PDB file of N, CA and C in Angstrom:
ATOM      1  N   GLN A   1     111.995  93.436  88.993  1.00  0.00           N
ATOM      2  CA  GLN A   1     111.276  94.650  89.357  1.00  0.00           C
ATOM      3  C   GLN A   1     110.552  94.439  90.681  1.00  0.00           C
ATOM      4  N   VAL A   2     110.767  95.349  91.581  1.00  0.00           N
ATOM      5  CA  VAL A   2     110.112  95.274  92.889  1.00  0.00           C
ATOM      6  C   VAL A   2     108.709  95.841  92.768  1.00  0.00           C
ATOM      7  N   GLN A   3     107.739  95.141  93.303  1.00  0.00           N
ATOM      8  CA  GLN A   3     106.370  95.652  93.336  1.00  0.00           C
ATOM      9  C   GLN A   3     106.047  96.127  94.748  1.00  0.00           C
ATOM     10  N   LEU A   4     105.430  97.299  94.816  1.00  0.00           N
ATOM     11  CA  LEU A   4     105.098  97.911  96.092  1.00  0.00           C
ATOM     12  C   LEU A   4     103.613  98.214  96.122  1.00  0.00           C
ATOM     13  N   VAL A   5     102.962  97.868  97.212  1.00  0.00           N
ATOM     14  CA  VAL A   5     101.528  98.095  97.350  1.00  0.00           C
ATOM     15  C   VAL A   5     101.275  98.811  98.674  1.00  0.00           C
ATOM     16  N   GLU A   6     100.776 100.039  98.571  1.00  0.00           N
ATOM     17  CA  GLU A   6     100.465 100.831  99.756  1.00  0.00           C
ATOM     18  C   GLU A   6      99.041 100.563 100.226  1.00  0.00           C
ATOM     19  N   SER A   7      98.826 100.761 101.502  1.00  0.00           N
ATOM     20  CA  SER A   7      97.487 100.675 102.082  1.00  0.00           C
ATOM     21  C   SER A   7      97.445 101.539 103.337  1.00  0.00           C
ATOM     22  N   GLY A   8      96.224 101.787 103.825  1.00  0.00           N
ATOM     23  CA  GLY A   8      96.067 102.511 105.079  1.00  0.00           C
ATOM     24  C   GLY A   8      95.651 103.951 104.956  1.00  0.00           C
ATOM     25  N   GLY A   9      95.554 104.447 103.729  1.00  0.00           N
ATOM     26  CA  GLY A   9      95.107 105.821 103.568  1.00  0.00           C
ATOM     27  C   GLY A   9      93.625 105.961 103.890  1.00  0.00           C
ATOM     28  N   GLY A  10      93.174 107.211 103.924  1.00  0.00           N
ATOM     29  CA  GLY A  10      91.765 107.462 104.209  1.00  0.00           C
ATOM     30  C   GLY A  10      91.512 108.894 104.596  1.00  0.00           C
ATOM     31  N   LEU A  11      90.330 109.119 105.136  1.00  0.00           N
ATOM     32  CA  LEU A  11      89.895 110.444 105.579  1.00  0.00           C
ATOM     33  C   LEU A  11      89.969 110.503 107.102  1.00  0.00           C
ATOM     34  N   VAL A  12      90.601 111.541 107.613  1.00  0.00           N
ATOM     35  CA  VAL A  12      90.742 111.694 109.051  1.00  0.00           C
ATOM     36  C   VAL A  12      90.634 113.173 109.406  1.00  0.00           C
ATOM     37  N   GLN A  13      90.164 113.447 110.599  1.00  0.00           N
ATOM     38  CA  GLN A  13      90.079 114.834 111.052  1.00  0.00           C
ATOM     39  C   GLN A  13      91.449 115.329 111.496  1.00  0.00           C
ATOM     40  N   ALA A  14      91.619 116.625 111.437  1.00  0.00           N
ATOM     41  CA  ALA A  14      92.862 117.225 111.911  1.00  0.00           C
ATOM     42  C   ALA A  14      93.127 116.805 113.357  1.00  0.00           C
ATOM     43  N   GLY A  15      94.367 116.479 113.638  1.00  0.00           N
ATOM     44  CA  GLY A  15      94.751 115.993 114.954  1.00  0.00           C
ATOM     45  C   GLY A  15      94.710 114.483 115.077  1.00  0.00           C
ATOM     46  N   GLY A  16      94.136 113.820 114.095  1.00  0.00           N
ATOM     47  CA  GLY A  16      94.023 112.373 114.119  1.00  0.00           C
ATOM     48  C   GLY A  16      95.283 111.677 113.629  1.00  0.00           C
ATOM     49  N   SER A  17      95.178 110.357 113.531  1.00  0.00           N
ATOM     50  CA  SER A  17      96.322 109.529 113.149  1.00  0.00           C
ATOM     51  C   SER A  17      95.934 108.524 112.071  1.00  0.00           C
ATOM     52  N   LEU A  18      96.918 108.161 111.284  1.00  0.00           N
ATOM     53  CA  LEU A  18      96.798 107.078 110.316  1.00  0.00           C
ATOM     54  C   LEU A  18      98.126 106.340 110.276  1.00  0.00           C
ATOM     55  N   ARG A  19      98.063 105.059 109.919  1.00  0.00           N
ATOM     56  CA  ARG A  19      99.290 104.308 109.676  1.00  0.00           C
ATOM     57  C   ARG A  19      99.237 103.739 108.266  1.00  0.00           C
ATOM     58  N   LEU A  20     100.188 104.153 107.469  1.00  0.00           N
ATOM     59  CA  LEU A  20     100.325 103.618 106.121  1.00  0.00           C
ATOM     60  C   LEU A  20     101.245 102.413 106.137  1.00  0.00           C
ATOM     61  N   SER A  21     100.929 101.460 105.284  1.00  0.00           N
ATOM     62  CA  SER A  21     101.773 100.285 105.114  1.00  0.00           C
ATOM     63  C   SER A  21     102.150 100.153 103.650  1.00  0.00           C
ATOM     64  N   CYS A  22     103.298  99.565 103.418  1.00  0.00           N
ATOM     65  CA  CYS A  22     103.759  99.309 102.051  1.00  0.00           C
ATOM     66  C   CYS A  22     104.361  97.919 102.030  1.00  0.00           C
ATOM     67  N   ALA A  23     103.684  97.025 101.329  1.00  0.00           N
ATOM     68  CA  ALA A  23     104.154  95.648 101.207  1.00  0.00           C
ATOM     69  C   ALA A  23     104.961  95.501  99.926  1.00  0.00           C
ATOM     70  N   ALA A  24     106.114  94.878 100.033  1.00  0.00           N
ATOM     71  CA  ALA A  24     107.029  94.761  98.902  1.00  0.00           C
ATOM     72  C   ALA A  24     107.224  93.315  98.484  1.00  0.00           C
ATOM     73  N   SER A  25     107.410  93.146  97.206  1.00  0.00           N
ATOM     74  CA  SER A  25     107.850  91.850  96.690  1.00  0.00           C
ATOM     75  C   SER A  25     109.368  91.899  96.608  1.00  0.00           C
ATOM     76  N   GLY A  26     109.961  90.862  96.126  1.00  0.00           N
ATOM     77  CA  GLY A  26     111.414  90.882  95.993  1.00  0.00           C
ATOM     78  C   GLY A  26     112.089  90.073  97.077  1.00  0.00           C
ATOM     79  N   ARG A  27     113.102  89.353  96.676  1.00  0.00           N
ATOM     80  CA  ARG A  27     113.765  88.435  97.598  1.00  0.00           C
ATOM     81  C   ARG A  27     114.754  89.119  98.510  1.00  0.00           C
ATOM     82  N   THR A  28     115.162  90.336  98.156  1.00  0.00           N
ATOM     83  CA  THR A  28     116.212  90.999  98.930  1.00  0.00           C
ATOM     84  C   THR A  28     115.722  92.302  99.538  1.00  0.00           C
ATOM     85  N   PHE A  29     114.493  92.282 100.027  1.00  0.00           N
ATOM     86  CA  PHE A  29     113.905  93.494 100.621  1.00  0.00           C
ATOM     87  C   PHE A  29     114.811  94.077 101.686  1.00  0.00           C
ATOM     88  N   SER A  30     115.484  93.227 102.435  1.00  0.00           N
ATOM     89  CA  SER A  30     116.308  93.714 103.542  1.00  0.00           C
ATOM     90  C   SER A  30     117.508  94.521 103.063  1.00  0.00           C
ATOM     91  N   ASN A  31     117.799  94.498 101.763  1.00  0.00           N
ATOM     92  CA  ASN A  31     118.872  95.316 101.207  1.00  0.00           C
ATOM     93  C   ASN A  31     118.404  96.701 100.768  1.00  0.00           C
ATOM     94  N   TYR A  32     117.083  96.897 100.737  1.00  0.00           N
ATOM     95  CA  TYR A  32     116.549  98.132 100.177  1.00  0.00           C
ATOM     96  C   TYR A  32     116.416  99.208 101.243  1.00  0.00           C
ATOM     97  N   ALA A  33     116.825 100.423 100.922  1.00  0.00           N
ATOM     98  CA  ALA A  33     116.327 101.562 101.676  1.00  0.00           C
ATOM     99  C   ALA A  33     114.919 101.844 101.165  1.00  0.00           C
ATOM    100  N   MET A  34     114.062 102.308 102.054  1.00  0.00           N
ATOM    101  CA  MET A  34     112.668 102.555 101.679  1.00  0.00           C
ATOM    102  C   MET A  34     112.287 103.997 102.013  1.00  0.00           C
ATOM    103  N   GLY A  35     111.441 104.546 101.179  1.00  0.00           N
ATOM    104  CA  GLY A  35     111.047 105.925 101.395  1.00  0.00           C
ATOM    105  C   GLY A  35     109.566 106.154 101.192  1.00  0.00           C
ATOM    106  N   TRP A  36     109.104 107.265 101.729  1.00  0.00           N
ATOM    107  CA  TRP A  36     107.741 107.742 101.519  1.00  0.00           C
ATOM    108  C   TRP A  36     107.804 109.142 100.920  1.00  0.00           C
ATOM    109  N   PHE A  37     107.017 109.350  99.895  1.00  0.00           N
ATOM    110  CA  PHE A  37     106.877 110.649  99.258  1.00  0.00           C
ATOM    111  C   PHE A  37     105.388 110.980  99.223  1.00  0.00           C
ATOM    112  N   ARG A  38     105.080 112.233  98.955  1.00  0.00           N
ATOM    113  CA  ARG A  38     103.676 112.616  98.804  1.00  0.00           C
ATOM    114  C   ARG A  38     103.541 113.688  97.744  1.00  0.00           C
ATOM    115  N   GLN A  39     102.346 113.740  97.181  1.00  0.00           N
ATOM    116  CA  GLN A  39     102.064 114.751  96.170  1.00  0.00           C
ATOM    117  C   GLN A  39     100.667 115.293  96.393  1.00  0.00           C
ATOM    118  N   ALA A  40     100.595 116.572  96.674  1.00  0.00           N
ATOM    119  CA  ALA A  40      99.319 117.255  96.845  1.00  0.00           C
ATOM    120  C   ALA A  40      98.865 117.811  95.503  1.00  0.00           C
ATOM    121  N   PRO A  41      97.571 118.057  95.344  1.00  0.00           N
ATOM    122  CA  PRO A  41      97.072 118.590  94.069  1.00  0.00           C
ATOM    123  C   PRO A  41      97.777 119.882  93.686  1.00  0.00           C
ATOM    124  N   GLY A  42      98.255 119.923  92.459  1.00  0.00           N
ATOM    125  CA  GLY A  42      98.899 121.122  91.962  1.00  0.00           C
ATOM    126  C   GLY A  42     100.319 121.343  92.449  1.00  0.00           C
ATOM    127  N   LYS A  43     100.845 120.361  93.184  1.00  0.00           N
ATOM    128  CA  LYS A  43     102.201 120.504  93.717  1.00  0.00           C
ATOM    129  C   LYS A  43     103.084 119.369  93.235  1.00  0.00           C
ATOM    130  N   GLU A  44     104.388 119.583  93.351  1.00  0.00           N
ATOM    131  CA  GLU A  44     105.325 118.541  92.982  1.00  0.00           C
ATOM    132  C   GLU A  44     105.413 117.487  94.088  1.00  0.00           C
ATOM    133  N   ARG A  45     105.835 116.311  93.678  1.00  0.00           N
ATOM    134  CA  ARG A  45     106.048 115.247  94.654  1.00  0.00           C
ATOM    135  C   ARG A  45     107.180 115.649  95.594  1.00  0.00           C
ATOM    136  N   GLU A  46     106.971 115.422  96.890  1.00  0.00           N
ATOM    137  CA  GLU A  46     107.989 115.797  97.862  1.00  0.00           C
ATOM    138  C   GLU A  46     108.348 114.621  98.752  1.00  0.00           C
ATOM    139  N   PHE A  47     109.577 114.628  99.211  1.00  0.00           N
ATOM    140  CA  PHE A  47     110.070 113.629 100.156  1.00  0.00           C
ATOM    141  C   PHE A  47     109.394 113.821 101.508  1.00  0.00           C
ATOM    142  N   VAL A  48     109.043 112.701 102.139  1.00  0.00           N
ATOM    143  CA  VAL A  48     108.448 112.745 103.469  1.00  0.00           C
ATOM    144  C   VAL A  48     109.365 112.090 104.496  1.00  0.00           C
ATOM    145  N   ALA A  49     109.742 110.844 104.233  1.00  0.00           N
ATOM    146  CA  ALA A  49     110.543 110.101 105.204  1.00  0.00           C
ATOM    147  C   ALA A  49     111.222 108.939 104.503  1.00  0.00           C
ATOM    148  N   ALA A  50     112.306 108.460 105.099  1.00  0.00           N
ATOM    149  CA  ALA A  50     112.997 107.290 104.566  1.00  0.00           C
ATOM    150  C   ALA A  50     113.680 106.545 105.696  1.00  0.00           C
ATOM    151  N   ILE A  51     113.962 105.286 105.427  1.00  0.00           N
ATOM    152  CA  ILE A  51     114.602 104.436 106.422  1.00  0.00           C
ATOM    153  C   ILE A  51     115.661 103.588 105.725  1.00  0.00           C
ATOM    154  N   SER A  52     116.783 103.414 106.396  1.00  0.00           N
ATOM    155  CA  SER A  52     117.878 102.650 105.814  1.00  0.00           C
ATOM    156  C   SER A  52     117.521 101.168 105.725  1.00  0.00           C
ATOM    157  N   TRP A  53     118.352 100.429 105.016  1.00  0.00           N
ATOM    158  CA  TRP A  53     118.081  99.008 104.797  1.00  0.00           C
ATOM    159  C   TRP A  53     118.008  98.238 106.108  1.00  0.00           C
ATOM    160  N   SER A  54     118.791  98.665 107.085  1.00  0.00           N
ATOM    161  CA  SER A  54     118.815  97.971 108.374  1.00  0.00           C
ATOM    162  C   SER A  54     117.760  98.474 109.338  1.00  0.00           C
ATOM    163  N   GLY A  55     117.197  99.630 109.013  1.00  0.00           N
ATOM    164  CA  GLY A  55     116.260 100.245 109.940  1.00  0.00           C
ATOM    165  C   GLY A  55     116.927 101.100 110.994  1.00  0.00           C
ATOM    166  N   GLY A  56     118.240 101.179 110.957  1.00  0.00           N
ATOM    167  CA  GLY A  56     118.960 101.898 111.996  1.00  0.00           C
ATOM    168  C   GLY A  56     119.013 103.398 111.823  1.00  0.00           C
ATOM    169  N   ARG A  57     118.736 103.867 110.630  1.00  0.00           N
ATOM    170  CA  ARG A  57     118.757 105.305 110.367  1.00  0.00           C
ATOM    171  C   ARG A  57     117.495 105.737 109.639  1.00  0.00           C
ATOM    172  N   THR A  58     117.057 106.920 109.962  1.00  0.00           N
ATOM    173  CA  THR A  58     115.873 107.469 109.332  1.00  0.00           C
ATOM    174  C   THR A  58     116.118 108.921 108.944  1.00  0.00           C
ATOM    175  N   ALA A  59     115.265 109.426 108.078  1.00  0.00           N
ATOM    176  CA  ALA A  59     115.318 110.827 107.664  1.00  0.00           C
ATOM    177  C   ALA A  59     113.893 111.314 107.449  1.00  0.00           C
ATOM    178  N   TYR A  60     113.681 112.592 107.753  1.00  0.00           N
ATOM    179  CA  TYR A  60     112.347 113.180 107.627  1.00  0.00           C
ATOM    180  C   TYR A  60     112.456 114.586 107.053  1.00  0.00           C
ATOM    181  N   VAL A  61     111.421 114.978 106.347  1.00  0.00           N
ATOM    182  CA  VAL A  61     111.293 116.384 105.970  1.00  0.00           C
ATOM    183  C   VAL A  61     110.923 117.164 107.235  1.00  0.00           C
ATOM    184  N   ASP A  62     111.366 118.379 107.324  1.00  0.00           N
ATOM    185  CA  ASP A  62     111.174 119.159 108.548  1.00  0.00           C
ATOM    186  C   ASP A  62     109.709 119.261 108.960  1.00  0.00           C
ATOM    187  N   SER A  63     108.816 119.354 107.996  1.00  0.00           N
ATOM    188  CA  SER A  63     107.409 119.601 108.306  1.00  0.00           C
ATOM    189  C   SER A  63     106.724 118.433 109.013  1.00  0.00           C
ATOM    190  N   VAL A  64     107.342 117.250 109.020  1.00  0.00           N
ATOM    191  CA  VAL A  64     106.708 116.094 109.671  1.00  0.00           C
ATOM    192  C   VAL A  64     107.508 115.602 110.876  1.00  0.00           C
ATOM    193  N   LYS A  65     108.657 116.184 111.131  1.00  0.00           N
ATOM    194  CA  LYS A  65     109.465 115.745 112.269  1.00  0.00           C
ATOM    195  C   LYS A  65     108.682 115.875 113.565  1.00  0.00           C
ATOM    196  N   GLY A  66     108.735 114.834 114.377  1.00  0.00           N
ATOM    197  CA  GLY A  66     108.019 114.823 115.640  1.00  0.00           C
ATOM    198  C   GLY A  66     106.579 114.352 115.518  1.00  0.00           C
ATOM    199  N   ARG A  67     106.078 114.241 114.296  1.00  0.00           N
ATOM    200  CA  ARG A  67     104.691 113.780 114.079  1.00  0.00           C
ATOM    201  C   ARG A  67     104.630 112.438 113.341  1.00  0.00           C
ATOM    202  N   PHE A  68     105.537 112.212 112.421  1.00  0.00           N
ATOM    203  CA  PHE A  68     105.551 110.993 111.619  1.00  0.00           C
ATOM    204  C   PHE A  68     106.730 110.112 112.045  1.00  0.00           C
ATOM    205  N   THR A  69     106.510 108.805 111.947  1.00  0.00           N
ATOM    206  CA  THR A  69     107.570 107.846 112.235  1.00  0.00           C
ATOM    207  C   THR A  69     107.580 106.766 111.164  1.00  0.00           C
ATOM    208  N   VAL A  70     108.747 106.556 110.570  1.00  0.00           N
ATOM    209  CA  VAL A  70     108.913 105.501 109.573  1.00  0.00           C
ATOM    210  C   VAL A  70     109.580 104.309 110.249  1.00  0.00           C
ATOM    211  N   SER A  71     109.102 103.112 109.894  1.00  0.00           N
ATOM    212  CA  SER A  71     109.676 101.891 110.454  1.00  0.00           C
ATOM    213  C   SER A  71     109.549 100.781 109.425  1.00  0.00           C
ATOM    214  N   ARG A  72     110.203  99.664 109.712  1.00  0.00           N
ATOM    215  CA  ARG A  72     110.135  98.551 108.768  1.00  0.00           C
ATOM    216  C   ARG A  72     110.191  97.226 109.505  1.00  0.00           C
ATOM    217  N   ASP A  73     109.635  96.231 108.856  1.00  0.00           N
ATOM    218  CA  ASP A  73     109.696  94.848 109.343  1.00  0.00           C
ATOM    219  C   ASP A  73     110.211  94.016 108.184  1.00  0.00           C
ATOM    220  N   ASN A  74     111.486  93.691 108.214  1.00  0.00           N
ATOM    221  CA  ASN A  74     112.088  92.985 107.078  1.00  0.00           C
ATOM    222  C   ASN A  74     111.535  91.578 106.922  1.00  0.00           C
ATOM    223  N   ALA A  75     111.121  90.959 108.008  1.00  0.00           N
ATOM    224  CA  ALA A  75     110.540  89.617 107.918  1.00  0.00           C
ATOM    225  C   ALA A  75     109.222  89.634 107.153  1.00  0.00           C
ATOM    226  N   LYS A  76     108.491  90.728 107.295  1.00  0.00           N
ATOM    227  CA  LYS A  76     107.212  90.870 106.597  1.00  0.00           C
ATOM    228  C   LYS A  76     107.350  91.637 105.287  1.00  0.00           C
ATOM    229  N   LYS A  77     108.562  92.090 104.969  1.00  0.00           N
ATOM    230  CA  LYS A  77     108.807  92.876 103.749  1.00  0.00           C
ATOM    231  C   LYS A  77     107.849  94.059 103.685  1.00  0.00           C
ATOM    232  N   THR A  78     107.746  94.752 104.779  1.00  0.00           N
ATOM    233  CA  THR A  78     106.791  95.851 104.880  1.00  0.00           C
ATOM    234  C   THR A  78     107.440  97.053 105.547  1.00  0.00           C
ATOM    235  N   VAL A  79     107.104  98.219 105.036  1.00  0.00           N
ATOM    236  CA  VAL A  79     107.525  99.473 105.649  1.00  0.00           C
ATOM    237  C   VAL A  79     106.275 100.243 106.053  1.00  0.00           C
ATOM    238  N   TYR A  80     106.378 100.976 107.139  1.00  0.00           N
ATOM    239  CA  TYR A  80     105.237 101.681 107.704  1.00  0.00           C
ATOM    240  C   TYR A  80     105.524 103.177 107.823  1.00  0.00           C
ATOM    241  N   LEU A  81     104.455 103.943 107.808  1.00  0.00           N
ATOM    242  CA  LEU A  81     104.550 105.364 108.120  1.00  0.00           C
ATOM    243  C   LEU A  81     103.435 105.682 109.103  1.00  0.00           C
ATOM    244  N   GLN A  82     103.804 105.853 110.358  1.00  0.00           N
ATOM    245  CA  GLN A  82     102.847 106.250 111.386  1.00  0.00           C
ATOM    246  C   GLN A  82     102.732 107.762 111.374  1.00  0.00           C
ATOM    247  N   MET A  83     101.530 108.248 111.162  1.00  0.00           N
ATOM    248  CA  MET A  83     101.300 109.688 111.039  1.00  0.00           C
ATOM    249  C   MET A  83     100.379 110.139 112.167  1.00  0.00           C
ATOM    250  N   ASN A  84     100.893 110.959 113.049  1.00  0.00           N
ATOM    251  CA  ASN A  84     100.124 111.494 114.172  1.00  0.00           C
ATOM    252  C   ASN A  84      99.958 112.994 114.023  1.00  0.00           C
ATOM    253  N   SER A  85      99.027 113.553 114.779  1.00  0.00           N
ATOM    254  CA  SER A  85      98.782 115.004 114.777  1.00  0.00           C
ATOM    255  C   SER A  85      98.656 115.525 113.347  1.00  0.00           C
ATOM    256  N   LEU A  86      97.859 114.846 112.567  1.00  0.00           N
ATOM    257  CA  LEU A  86      97.730 115.200 111.155  1.00  0.00           C
ATOM    258  C   LEU A  86      97.118 116.585 110.981  1.00  0.00           C
ATOM    259  N   LYS A  87      97.573 117.240 109.923  1.00  0.00           N
ATOM    260  CA  LYS A  87      97.124 118.588 109.593  1.00  0.00           C
ATOM    261  C   LYS A  87      96.519 118.580 108.188  1.00  0.00           C
ATOM    262  N   PRO A  88      95.653 119.535 107.901  1.00  0.00           N
ATOM    263  CA  PRO A  88      95.085 119.597 106.541  1.00  0.00           C
ATOM    264  C   PRO A  88      96.152 119.669 105.463  1.00  0.00           C
ATOM    265  N   GLU A  89      97.277 120.287 105.760  1.00  0.00           N
ATOM    266  CA  GLU A  89      98.342 120.392 104.753  1.00  0.00           C
ATOM    267  C   GLU A  89      99.063 119.071 104.513  1.00  0.00           C
ATOM    268  N   ASP A  90      98.750 118.048 105.286  1.00  0.00           N
ATOM    269  CA  ASP A  90      99.287 116.713 105.020  1.00  0.00           C
ATOM    270  C   ASP A  90      98.479 115.978 103.951  1.00  0.00           C
ATOM    271  N   THR A  91      97.377 116.557 103.535  1.00  0.00           N
ATOM    272  CA  THR A  91      96.542 115.933 102.510  1.00  0.00           C
ATOM    273  C   THR A  91      97.324 115.766 101.217  1.00  0.00           C
ATOM    274  N   ALA A  92      97.365 114.540 100.719  1.00  0.00           N
ATOM    275  CA  ALA A  92      98.148 114.235  99.514  1.00  0.00           C
ATOM    276  C   ALA A  92      97.965 112.760  99.175  1.00  0.00           C
ATOM    277  N   VAL A  93      98.461 112.396  98.009  1.00  0.00           N
ATOM    278  CA  VAL A  93      98.653 110.989  97.691  1.00  0.00           C
ATOM    279  C   VAL A  93     100.041 110.614  98.184  1.00  0.00           C
ATOM    280  N   TYR A  94     100.096 109.554  98.969  1.00  0.00           N
ATOM    281  CA  TYR A  94     101.365 109.104  99.550  1.00  0.00           C
ATOM    282  C   TYR A  94     101.872 107.893  98.781  1.00  0.00           C
ATOM    283  N   TYR A  95     103.153 107.969  98.417  1.00  0.00           N
ATOM    284  CA  TYR A  95     103.794 106.928  97.628  1.00  0.00           C
ATOM    285  C   TYR A  95     104.925 106.281  98.416  1.00  0.00           C
ATOM    286  N   CYS A  96     105.002 104.986  98.295  1.00  0.00           N
ATOM    287  CA  CYS A  96     106.111 104.211  98.838  1.00  0.00           C
ATOM    288  C   CYS A  96     107.130 104.009  97.723  1.00  0.00           C
ATOM    289  N   ALA A  97     108.407 104.009  98.076  1.00  0.00           N
ATOM    290  CA  ALA A  97     109.459 103.840  97.074  1.00  0.00           C
ATOM    291  C   ALA A  97     110.594 102.994  97.635  1.00  0.00           C
ATOM    292  N   ALA A  98     111.225 102.256  96.744  1.00  0.00           N
ATOM    293  CA  ALA A  98     112.332 101.383  97.132  1.00  0.00           C
ATOM    294  C   ALA A  98     113.619 101.797  96.441  1.00  0.00           C
ATOM    295  N   ASP A  99     114.671 101.837  97.204  1.00  0.00           N
ATOM    296  CA  ASP A  99     116.024 102.062  96.685  1.00  0.00           C
ATOM    297  C   ASP A  99     116.745 100.730  96.786  1.00  0.00           C
ATOM    298  N   GLN A 100     116.811 100.014  95.674  1.00  0.00           N
ATOM    299  CA  GLN A 100     117.359  98.663  95.701  1.00  0.00           C
ATOM    300  C   GLN A 100     118.857  98.627  95.998  1.00  0.00           C
ATOM    301  N   GLY A 101     119.492  99.745  95.824  1.00  0.00           N
ATOM    302  CA  GLY A 101     120.916  99.818  96.156  1.00  0.00           C
ATOM    303  C   GLY A 101     121.176 100.388  97.528  1.00  0.00           C
ATOM    304  N   GLY A 102     120.141 100.449  98.353  1.00  0.00           N
ATOM    305  CA  GLY A 102     120.256 101.116  99.642  1.00  0.00           C
ATOM    306  C   GLY A 102     121.324 100.573 100.561  1.00  0.00           C
ATOM    307  N   ARG A 103     121.564  99.261 100.483  1.00  0.00           N
ATOM    308  CA  ARG A 103     122.560  98.663 101.377  1.00  0.00           C
ATOM    309  C   ARG A 103     123.951  99.231 101.121  1.00  0.00           C
ATOM    310  N   TYR A 104     124.173  99.747  99.926  1.00  0.00           N
ATOM    311  CA  TYR A 104     125.502 100.198  99.536  1.00  0.00           C
ATOM    312  C   TYR A 104     125.676 101.705  99.663  1.00  0.00           C
ATOM    313  N   ARG A 105     124.667 102.366 100.228  1.00  0.00           N
ATOM    314  CA  ARG A 105     124.786 103.804 100.446  1.00  0.00           C
ATOM    315  C   ARG A 105     125.213 104.070 101.885  1.00  0.00           C
ATOM    316  N   SER A 106     125.968 105.135 102.045  1.00  0.00           N
ATOM    317  CA  SER A 106     126.405 105.540 103.379  1.00  0.00           C
ATOM    318  C   SER A 106     125.454 106.548 103.986  1.00  0.00           C
ATOM    319  N   TYR A 107     124.338 106.832 103.303  1.00  0.00           N
ATOM    320  CA  TYR A 107     123.379 107.821 103.764  1.00  0.00           C
ATOM    321  C   TYR A 107     121.973 107.304 103.500  1.00  0.00           C
ATOM    322  N   VAL A 108     121.012 107.888 104.156  1.00  0.00           N
ATOM    323  CA  VAL A 108     119.612 107.560 103.911  1.00  0.00           C
ATOM    324  C   VAL A 108     119.139 108.396 102.725  1.00  0.00           C
ATOM    325  N   PRO A 109     118.687 107.771 101.661  1.00  0.00           N
ATOM    326  CA  PRO A 109     118.294 108.533 100.481  1.00  0.00           C
ATOM    327  C   PRO A 109     117.054 109.383 100.744  1.00  0.00           C
ATOM    328  N   SER A 110     117.032 110.557 100.150  1.00  0.00           N
ATOM    329  CA  SER A 110     115.885 111.456 100.305  1.00  0.00           C
ATOM    330  C   SER A 110     115.517 112.161  99.006  1.00  0.00           C
ATOM    331  N   VAL A 111     116.141 111.754  97.940  1.00  0.00           N
ATOM    332  CA  VAL A 111     115.875 112.349  96.635  1.00  0.00           C
ATOM    333  C   VAL A 111     115.188 111.304  95.771  1.00  0.00           C
ATOM    334  N   SER A 112     114.161 111.713  95.050  1.00  0.00           N
ATOM    335  CA  SER A 112     113.386 110.735  94.289  1.00  0.00           C
ATOM    336  C   SER A 112     114.248 109.954  93.305  1.00  0.00           C
ATOM    337  N   GLY A 113     115.301 110.575  92.782  1.00  0.00           N
ATOM    338  CA  GLY A 113     116.172 109.888  91.841  1.00  0.00           C
ATOM    339  C   GLY A 113     116.924 108.724  92.418  1.00  0.00           C
ATOM    340  N   ASN A 114     117.011 108.633  93.750  1.00  0.00           N
ATOM    341  CA  ASN A 114     117.673 107.506  94.387  1.00  0.00           C
ATOM    342  C   ASN A 114     116.796 106.247  94.389  1.00  0.00           C
ATOM    343  N   PHE A 115     115.520 106.420  94.151  1.00  0.00           N
ATOM    344  CA  PHE A 115     114.563 105.317  94.282  1.00  0.00           C
ATOM    345  C   PHE A 115     114.182 104.794  92.895  1.00  0.00           C
ATOM    346  N   ASP A 116     114.157 103.478  92.752  1.00  0.00           N
ATOM    347  CA  ASP A 116     113.947 102.900  91.432  1.00  0.00           C
ATOM    348  C   ASP A 116     112.655 102.114  91.304  1.00  0.00           C
ATOM    349  N   SER A 117     111.894 101.995  92.362  1.00  0.00           N
ATOM    350  CA  SER A 117     110.583 101.349  92.274  1.00  0.00           C
ATOM    351  C   SER A 117     109.592 102.150  93.090  1.00  0.00           C
ATOM    352  N   TRP A 118     108.380 102.252  92.574  1.00  0.00           N
ATOM    353  CA  TRP A 118     107.355 103.085  93.197  1.00  0.00           C
ATOM    354  C   TRP A 118     106.032 102.337  93.265  1.00  0.00           C
ATOM    355  N   GLY A 119     105.279 102.602  94.333  1.00  0.00           N
ATOM    356  CA  GLY A 119     103.932 102.095  94.425  1.00  0.00           C
ATOM    357  C   GLY A 119     102.944 102.982  93.693  1.00  0.00           C
ATOM    358  N   GLN A 120     101.680 102.583  93.735  1.00  0.00           N
ATOM    359  CA  GLN A 120     100.640 103.328  93.035  1.00  0.00           C
ATOM    360  C   GLN A 120     100.101 104.487  93.859  1.00  0.00           C
ATOM    361  N   GLY A 121     100.371 104.492  95.130  1.00  0.00           N
ATOM    362  CA  GLY A 121      99.939 105.598  95.973  1.00  0.00           C
ATOM    363  C   GLY A 121      98.654 105.296  96.731  1.00  0.00           C
ATOM    364  N   THR A 122      98.514 105.970  97.859  1.00  0.00           N
ATOM    365  CA  THR A 122      97.292 105.878  98.661  1.00  0.00           C
ATOM    366  C   THR A 122      96.910 107.288  99.112  1.00  0.00           C
ATOM    367  N   GLN A 123      95.635 107.599  99.007  1.00  0.00           N
ATOM    368  CA  GLN A 123      95.163 108.945  99.307  1.00  0.00           C
ATOM    369  C   GLN A 123      95.011 109.145 100.815  1.00  0.00           C
ATOM    370  N   VAL A 124      95.541 110.246 101.295  1.00  0.00           N
ATOM    371  CA  VAL A 124      95.335 110.681 102.674  1.00  0.00           C
ATOM    372  C   VAL A 124      94.669 112.049 102.629  1.00  0.00           C
ATOM    373  N   THR A 125      93.523 112.159 103.268  1.00  0.00           N
ATOM    374  CA  THR A 125      92.796 113.422 103.309  1.00  0.00           C
ATOM    375  C   THR A 125      92.545 113.800 104.761  1.00  0.00           C
ATOM    376  N   VAL A 126      92.989 114.994 105.136  1.00  0.00           N
ATOM    377  CA  VAL A 126      92.837 115.482 106.503  1.00  0.00           C
ATOM    378  C   VAL A 126      91.880 116.671 106.469  1.00  0.00           C
ATOM    379  N   SER A 127      90.777 116.521 107.152  1.00  0.00           N
ATOM    380  CA  SER A 127      89.777 117.590 107.175  1.00  0.00           C
ATOM    381  C   SER A 127      90.010 118.508 108.372  1.00  0.00           C
ATOM    382  N   SER A 128      89.669 119.759 108.186  1.00  0.00           N
ATOM    383  CA  SER A 128      89.876 120.737 109.259  1.00  0.00           C
ATOM    384  C   SER A 128      88.661 120.844 110.160  1.00  0.00           C
TER     385      SER A 128
END
């Protein structure tokens, strides 16, 4: 079982930036596609961004394109989500997720069912 630990959440004003990190256990992190999801109060969990096992491909939900960037450092077994130009509607608990079969997919996963390990989440609050 892969363990994922998110960090970097907090309170920020609209227009500000945060960088989330997700540290993973597991000997084969470099085989995993990694994703970020979020869940706002009263809403369903939604896909935010994902990155392929190699880091060569990424995917984003339309609402964050041009503002968020997902990246990874396989040597550190860590995936990042750089969030710029934050908006109040970005307020949510952000979850990191691992797709352990990512190396064998021909696409970047963006559906929660593709991911088999999840972190506990980190709160991001954007004030207006």
